[in-house]
């Protein structure tokens, strides 16, 4: 029953300055959790499954900005 997020970026997106670790850390707050990783791959876990929809929307928002 605990939510989790996984974000992965291709090498070309990382070269453009995208960072999965930073992105997943910010989105993890919405599920009352934390996370991290590398620029190309990161994961997060939390306690609030009700915030998962908002967290996924935040990931998409940040990834496409």
PDB file of N, CA and C in Angstrom:
ATOM      1  N   UNK A   1       0.777  -1.195   0.000  1.00  0.00           N
ATOM      2  CA  UNK A   1       0.000   0.000   0.000  1.00  0.00           C
ATOM      3  C   UNK A   1       0.825   1.269   0.000  1.00  0.00           C
ATOM      4  N   UNK A   2       2.145   1.173  -0.172  1.00  0.00           N
ATOM      5  CA  UNK A   2       2.971   2.382  -0.198  1.00  0.00           C
ATOM      6  C   UNK A   2       3.260   2.774  -1.645  1.00  0.00           C
ATOM      7  N   UNK A   3       3.082   4.056  -1.970  1.00  0.00           N
ATOM      8  CA  UNK A   3       3.318   4.496  -3.346  1.00  0.00           C
ATOM      9  C   UNK A   3       4.806   4.609  -3.660  1.00  0.00           C
ATOM     10  N   UNK A   4       5.125   4.448  -4.934  1.00  0.00           N
ATOM     11  CA  UNK A   4       6.504   4.637  -5.376  1.00  0.00           C
ATOM     12  C   UNK A   4       6.511   5.265  -6.761  1.00  0.00           C
ATOM     13  N   UNK A   5       7.584   5.947  -7.055  1.00  0.00           N
ATOM     14  CA  UNK A   5       7.779   6.590  -8.355  1.00  0.00           C
ATOM     15  C   UNK A   5       9.112   6.142  -8.921  1.00  0.00           C
ATOM     16  N   UNK A   6       9.163   6.017 -10.227  1.00  0.00           N
ATOM     17  CA  UNK A   6      10.403   5.729 -10.935  1.00  0.00           C
ATOM     18  C   UNK A   6      10.474   6.657 -12.139  1.00  0.00           C
ATOM     19  N   UNK A   7      11.600   7.315 -12.303  1.00  0.00           N
ATOM     20  CA  UNK A   7      11.792   8.227 -13.433  1.00  0.00           C
ATOM     21  C   UNK A   7      13.075   7.834 -14.144  1.00  0.00           C
ATOM     22  N   UNK A   8      12.992   7.734 -15.457  1.00  0.00           N
ATOM     23  CA  UNK A   8      14.176   7.417 -16.260  1.00  0.00           C
ATOM     24  C   UNK A   8      14.225   8.363 -17.451  1.00  0.00           C
ATOM     25  N   UNK A   9      15.418   8.853 -17.756  1.00  0.00           N
ATOM     26  CA  UNK A   9      15.637   9.720 -18.901  1.00  0.00           C
ATOM     27  C   UNK A   9      16.670   9.091 -19.820  1.00  0.00           C
ATOM     28  N   UNK A  10      16.484   9.303 -21.107  1.00  0.00           N
ATOM     29  CA  UNK A  10      17.470   8.844 -22.083  1.00  0.00           C
ATOM     30  C   UNK A  10      18.716   9.731 -22.008  1.00  0.00           C
ATOM     31  N   UNK A  11      19.792   9.251 -22.580  1.00  0.00           N
ATOM     32  CA  UNK A  11      21.049  10.000 -22.556  1.00  0.00           C
ATOM     33  C   UNK A  11      20.908  11.373 -23.199  1.00  0.00           C
ATOM     34  N   UNK A  12      20.107  11.473 -24.270  1.00  0.00           N
ATOM     35  CA  UNK A  12      19.970  12.771 -24.928  1.00  0.00           C
ATOM     36  C   UNK A  12      19.221  13.770 -24.048  1.00  0.00           C
ATOM     37  N   UNK A  13      18.249  13.318 -23.257  1.00  0.00           N
ATOM     38  CA  UNK A  13      17.553  14.220 -22.345  1.00  0.00           C
ATOM     39  C   UNK A  13      18.465  14.661 -21.196  1.00  0.00           C
ATOM     40  N   UNK A  14      19.289  13.753 -20.713  1.00  0.00           N
ATOM     41  CA  UNK A  14      20.255  14.116 -19.673  1.00  0.00           C
ATOM     42  C   UNK A  14      21.239  15.148 -20.238  1.00  0.00           C
ATOM     43  N   UNK A  15      21.657  14.965 -21.479  1.00  0.00           N
ATOM     44  CA  UNK A  15      22.570  15.912 -22.118  1.00  0.00           C
ATOM     45  C   UNK A  15      21.935  17.297 -22.257  1.00  0.00           C
ATOM     46  N   UNK A  16      20.605  17.341 -22.363  1.00  0.00           N
ATOM     47  CA  UNK A  16      19.880  18.617 -22.448  1.00  0.00           C
ATOM     48  C   UNK A  16      19.717  19.272 -21.077  1.00  0.00           C
ATOM     49  N   UNK A  17      20.113  18.552 -20.022  1.00  0.00           N
ATOM     50  CA  UNK A  17      20.051  19.131 -18.688  1.00  0.00           C
ATOM     51  C   UNK A  17      18.981  18.553 -17.784  1.00  0.00           C
ATOM     52  N   UNK A  18      18.246  17.564 -18.234  1.00  0.00           N
ATOM     53  CA  UNK A  18      17.235  16.938 -17.390  1.00  0.00           C
ATOM     54  C   UNK A  18      17.928  16.107 -16.309  1.00  0.00           C
ATOM     55  N   UNK A  19      17.317  16.029 -15.132  1.00  0.00           N
ATOM     56  CA  UNK A  19      17.899  15.271 -14.030  1.00  0.00           C
ATOM     57  C   UNK A  19      16.788  14.526 -13.297  1.00  0.00           C
ATOM     58  N   UNK A  20      16.752  13.232 -13.461  1.00  0.00           N
ATOM     59  CA  UNK A  20      15.705  12.412 -12.855  1.00  0.00           C
ATOM     60  C   UNK A  20      15.749  12.469 -11.338  1.00  0.00           C
ATOM     61  N   UNK A  21      16.926  12.539 -10.753  1.00  0.00           N
ATOM     62  CA  UNK A  21      17.056  12.593  -9.297  1.00  0.00           C
ATOM     63  C   UNK A  21      16.414  13.827  -8.703  1.00  0.00           C
ATOM     64  N   UNK A  22      16.662  14.978  -9.293  1.00  0.00           N
ATOM     65  CA  UNK A  22      16.062  16.218  -8.801  1.00  0.00           C
ATOM     66  C   UNK A  22      14.550  16.193  -8.981  1.00  0.00           C
ATOM     67  N   UNK A  23      14.110  15.713 -10.121  1.00  0.00           N
ATOM     68  CA  UNK A  23      12.690  15.675 -10.425  1.00  0.00           C
ATOM     69  C   UNK A  23      11.941  14.758  -9.456  1.00  0.00           C
ATOM     70  N   UNK A  24      12.466  13.567  -9.211  1.00  0.00           N
ATOM     71  CA  UNK A  24      11.771  12.614  -8.349  1.00  0.00           C
ATOM     72  C   UNK A  24      11.769  13.085  -6.893  1.00  0.00           C
ATOM     73  N   UNK A  25      12.806  13.788  -6.474  1.00  0.00           N
ATOM     74  CA  UNK A  25      12.837  14.325  -5.109  1.00  0.00           C
ATOM     75  C   UNK A  25      11.703  15.320  -4.884  1.00  0.00           C
ATOM     76  N   UNK A  26      11.491  16.180  -5.856  1.00  0.00           N
ATOM     77  CA  UNK A  26      10.418  17.170  -5.727  1.00  0.00           C
ATOM     78  C   UNK A  26       9.048  16.504  -5.738  1.00  0.00           C
ATOM     79  N   UNK A  27       8.824  15.578  -6.638  1.00  0.00           N
ATOM     80  CA  UNK A  27       7.531  14.900  -6.725  1.00  0.00           C
ATOM     81  C   UNK A  27       7.266  14.029  -5.497  1.00  0.00           C
ATOM     82  N   UNK A  28       8.304  13.496  -4.874  1.00  0.00           N
ATOM     83  CA  UNK A  28       8.144  12.618  -3.709  1.00  0.00           C
ATOM     84  C   UNK A  28       7.506  13.335  -2.528  1.00  0.00           C
ATOM     85  N   UNK A  29       7.665  14.627  -2.460  1.00  0.00           N
ATOM     86  CA  UNK A  29       7.028  15.389  -1.370  1.00  0.00           C
ATOM     87  C   UNK A  29       5.508  15.212  -1.384  1.00  0.00           C
ATOM     88  N   UNK A  30       4.955  15.039  -2.564  1.00  0.00           N
ATOM     89  CA  UNK A  30       3.506  14.920  -2.705  1.00  0.00           C
ATOM     90  C   UNK A  30       2.973  13.575  -2.211  1.00  0.00           C
ATOM     91  N   UNK A  31       3.866  12.619  -2.023  1.00  0.00           N
ATOM     92  CA  UNK A  31       3.461  11.330  -1.457  1.00  0.00           C
ATOM     93  C   UNK A  31       4.058  11.138  -0.062  1.00  0.00           C
ATOM     94  N   UNK A  32       4.475  12.246   0.522  1.00  0.00           N
ATOM     95  CA  UNK A  32       5.082  12.251   1.858  1.00  0.00           C
ATOM     96  C   UNK A  32       6.256  11.287   1.935  1.00  0.00           C
ATOM     97  N   UNK A  33       7.145  11.454   0.986  1.00  0.00           N
ATOM     98  CA  UNK A  33       8.290  10.566   0.950  1.00  0.00           C
ATOM     99  C   UNK A  33       9.538  11.274   0.489  1.00  0.00           C
ATOM    100  N   UNK A  34      10.480  10.495   0.069  1.00  0.00           N
ATOM    101  CA  UNK A  34      11.746  11.003  -0.415  1.00  0.00           C
ATOM    102  C   UNK A  34      12.292  10.071  -1.466  1.00  0.00           C
ATOM    103  N   UNK A  35      13.304  10.533  -2.130  1.00  0.00           N
ATOM    104  CA  UNK A  35      13.899   9.702  -3.157  1.00  0.00           C
ATOM    105  C   UNK A  35      15.127  10.361  -3.727  1.00  0.00           C
ATOM    106  N   UNK A  36      15.666   9.733  -4.721  1.00  0.00           N
ATOM    107  CA  UNK A  36      16.842  10.255  -5.380  1.00  0.00           C
ATOM    108  C   UNK A  36      17.403   9.241  -6.348  1.00  0.00           C
ATOM    109  N   UNK A  37      18.530   9.570  -6.873  1.00  0.00           N
ATOM    110  CA  UNK A  37      19.165   8.686  -7.843  1.00  0.00           C
ATOM    111  C   UNK A  37      20.134   9.480  -8.683  1.00  0.00           C
ATOM    112  N   UNK A  38      20.315   9.035  -9.869  1.00  0.00           N
ATOM    113  CA  UNK A  38      21.243   9.673 -10.789  1.00  0.00           C
ATOM    114  C   UNK A  38      20.469  10.497 -11.803  1.00  0.00           C
ATOM    115  N   UNK A  39      21.174  11.185 -12.652  1.00  0.00           N
ATOM    116  CA  UNK A  39      20.527  12.035 -13.650  1.00  0.00           C
ATOM    117  C   UNK A  39      19.656  11.229 -14.609  1.00  0.00           C
ATOM    118  N   UNK A  40      20.043   9.997 -14.885  1.00  0.00           N
ATOM    119  CA  UNK A  40      19.290   9.208 -15.865  1.00  0.00           C
ATOM    120  C   UNK A  40      18.236   8.278 -15.239  1.00  0.00           C
ATOM    121  N   UNK A  41      18.332   7.983 -13.930  1.00  0.00           N
ATOM    122  CA  UNK A  41      17.390   7.053 -13.310  1.00  0.00           C
ATOM    123  C   UNK A  41      17.268   7.342 -11.821  1.00  0.00           C
ATOM    124  N   UNK A  42      16.023   7.453 -11.335  1.00  0.00           N
ATOM    125  CA  UNK A  42      15.812   7.735  -9.921  1.00  0.00           C
ATOM    126  C   UNK A  42      14.498   7.125  -9.456  1.00  0.00           C
ATOM    127  N   UNK A  43      14.411   6.853  -8.154  1.00  0.00           N
ATOM    128  CA  UNK A  43      13.201   6.292  -7.570  1.00  0.00           C
ATOM    129  C   UNK A  43      12.852   7.032  -6.285  1.00  0.00           C
ATOM    130  N   UNK A  44      11.579   6.906  -5.904  1.00  0.00           N
ATOM    131  CA  UNK A  44      11.111   7.512  -4.663  1.00  0.00           C
ATOM    132  C   UNK A  44      10.013   6.644  -4.084  1.00  0.00           C
ATOM    133  N   UNK A  45       9.865   6.717  -2.778  1.00  0.00           N
ATOM    134  CA  UNK A  45       8.787   6.021  -2.094  1.00  0.00           C
ATOM    135  C   UNK A  45       8.179   6.947  -1.069  1.00  0.00           C
ATOM    136  N   UNK A  46       6.951   6.648  -0.678  1.00  0.00           N
ATOM    137  CA  UNK A  46       6.292   7.498   0.293  1.00  0.00           C
ATOM    138  C   UNK A  46       5.239   6.767   1.087  1.00  0.00           C
ATOM    139  N   UNK A  47       4.502   7.545   1.875  1.00  0.00           N
ATOM    140  CA  UNK A  47       3.475   6.989   2.764  1.00  0.00           C
ATOM    141  C   UNK A  47       2.059   7.348   2.336  1.00  0.00           C
ATOM    142  N   UNK A  48       1.888   8.339   1.461  1.00  0.00           N
ATOM    143  CA  UNK A  48       0.570   8.860   1.135  1.00  0.00           C
ATOM    144  C   UNK A  48       0.153   8.478  -0.280  1.00  0.00           C
ATOM    145  N   UNK A  49      -0.546   7.365  -0.412  1.00  0.00           N
ATOM    146  CA  UNK A  49      -0.995   6.914  -1.730  1.00  0.00           C
ATOM    147  C   UNK A  49      -1.985   7.890  -2.355  1.00  0.00           C
ATOM    148  N   UNK A  50      -2.682   8.667  -1.544  1.00  0.00           N
ATOM    149  CA  UNK A  50      -3.639   9.633  -2.078  1.00  0.00           C
ATOM    150  C   UNK A  50      -2.951  10.735  -2.879  1.00  0.00           C
ATOM    151  N   UNK A  51      -1.679  10.960  -2.652  1.00  0.00           N
ATOM    152  CA  UNK A  51      -0.947  11.989  -3.381  1.00  0.00           C
ATOM    153  C   UNK A  51      -0.290  11.498  -4.650  1.00  0.00           C
ATOM    154  N   UNK A  52      -0.459  10.223  -4.976  1.00  0.00           N
ATOM    155  CA  UNK A  52       0.243   9.644  -6.120  1.00  0.00           C
ATOM    156  C   UNK A  52      -0.155  10.298  -7.441  1.00  0.00           C
ATOM    157  N   UNK A  53      -1.432  10.553  -7.632  1.00  0.00           N
ATOM    158  CA  UNK A  53      -1.884  11.184  -8.877  1.00  0.00           C
ATOM    159  C   UNK A  53      -1.218  12.552  -9.044  1.00  0.00           C
ATOM    160  N   UNK A  54      -1.205  13.345  -7.986  1.00  0.00           N
ATOM    161  CA  UNK A  54      -0.565  14.659  -8.045  1.00  0.00           C
ATOM    162  C   UNK A  54       0.933  14.537  -8.296  1.00  0.00           C
ATOM    163  N   UNK A  55       1.564  13.542  -7.704  1.00  0.00           N
ATOM    164  CA  UNK A  55       3.000  13.339  -7.894  1.00  0.00           C
ATOM    165  C   UNK A  55       3.315  12.987  -9.344  1.00  0.00           C
ATOM    166  N   UNK A  56       2.518  12.125  -9.940  1.00  0.00           N
ATOM    167  CA  UNK A  56       2.733  11.750 -11.344  1.00  0.00           C
ATOM    168  C   UNK A  56       2.516  12.970 -12.242  1.00  0.00           C
ATOM    169  N   UNK A  57       1.487  13.745 -11.957  1.00  0.00           N
ATOM    170  CA  UNK A  57       1.251  14.957 -12.743  1.00  0.00           C
ATOM    171  C   UNK A  57       2.424  15.934 -12.618  1.00  0.00           C
ATOM    172  N   UNK A  58       2.997  16.019 -11.426  1.00  0.00           N
ATOM    173  CA  UNK A  58       4.150  16.900 -11.214  1.00  0.00           C
ATOM    174  C   UNK A  58       5.363  16.397 -11.980  1.00  0.00           C
ATOM    175  N   UNK A  59       5.570  15.090 -12.010  1.00  0.00           N
ATOM    176  CA  UNK A  59       6.675  14.511 -12.796  1.00  0.00           C
ATOM    177  C   UNK A  59       6.518  14.890 -14.266  1.00  0.00           C
ATOM    178  N   UNK A  60       5.325  14.729 -14.797  1.00  0.00           N
ATOM    179  CA  UNK A  60       5.091  15.054 -16.214  1.00  0.00           C
ATOM    180  C   UNK A  60       5.309  16.548 -16.444  1.00  0.00           C
ATOM    181  N   UNK A  61       4.801  17.368 -15.550  1.00  0.00           N
ATOM    182  CA  UNK A  61       4.977  18.816 -15.679  1.00  0.00           C
ATOM    183  C   UNK A  61       6.437  19.207 -15.692  1.00  0.00           C
ATOM    184  N   UNK A  62       7.207  18.687 -14.772  1.00  0.00           N
ATOM    185  CA  UNK A  62       8.624  19.025 -14.692  1.00  0.00           C
ATOM    186  C   UNK A  62       9.414  18.446 -15.867  1.00  0.00           C
ATOM    187  N   UNK A  63       9.045  17.263 -16.314  1.00  0.00           N
ATOM    188  CA  UNK A  63       9.779  16.607 -17.403  1.00  0.00           C
ATOM    189  C   UNK A  63       9.558  17.291 -18.736  1.00  0.00           C
ATOM    190  N   UNK A  64       8.435  17.960 -18.881  1.00  0.00           N
ATOM    191  CA  UNK A  64       8.127  18.591 -20.155  1.00  0.00           C
ATOM    192  C   UNK A  64       8.369  20.095 -20.152  1.00  0.00           C
ATOM    193  N   UNK A  65       8.840  20.615 -19.012  1.00  0.00           N
ATOM    194  CA  UNK A  65       9.069  22.073 -18.909  1.00  0.00           C
ATOM    195  C   UNK A  65      10.330  22.483 -19.606  1.00  0.00           C
TER     196      UNK A  65
END
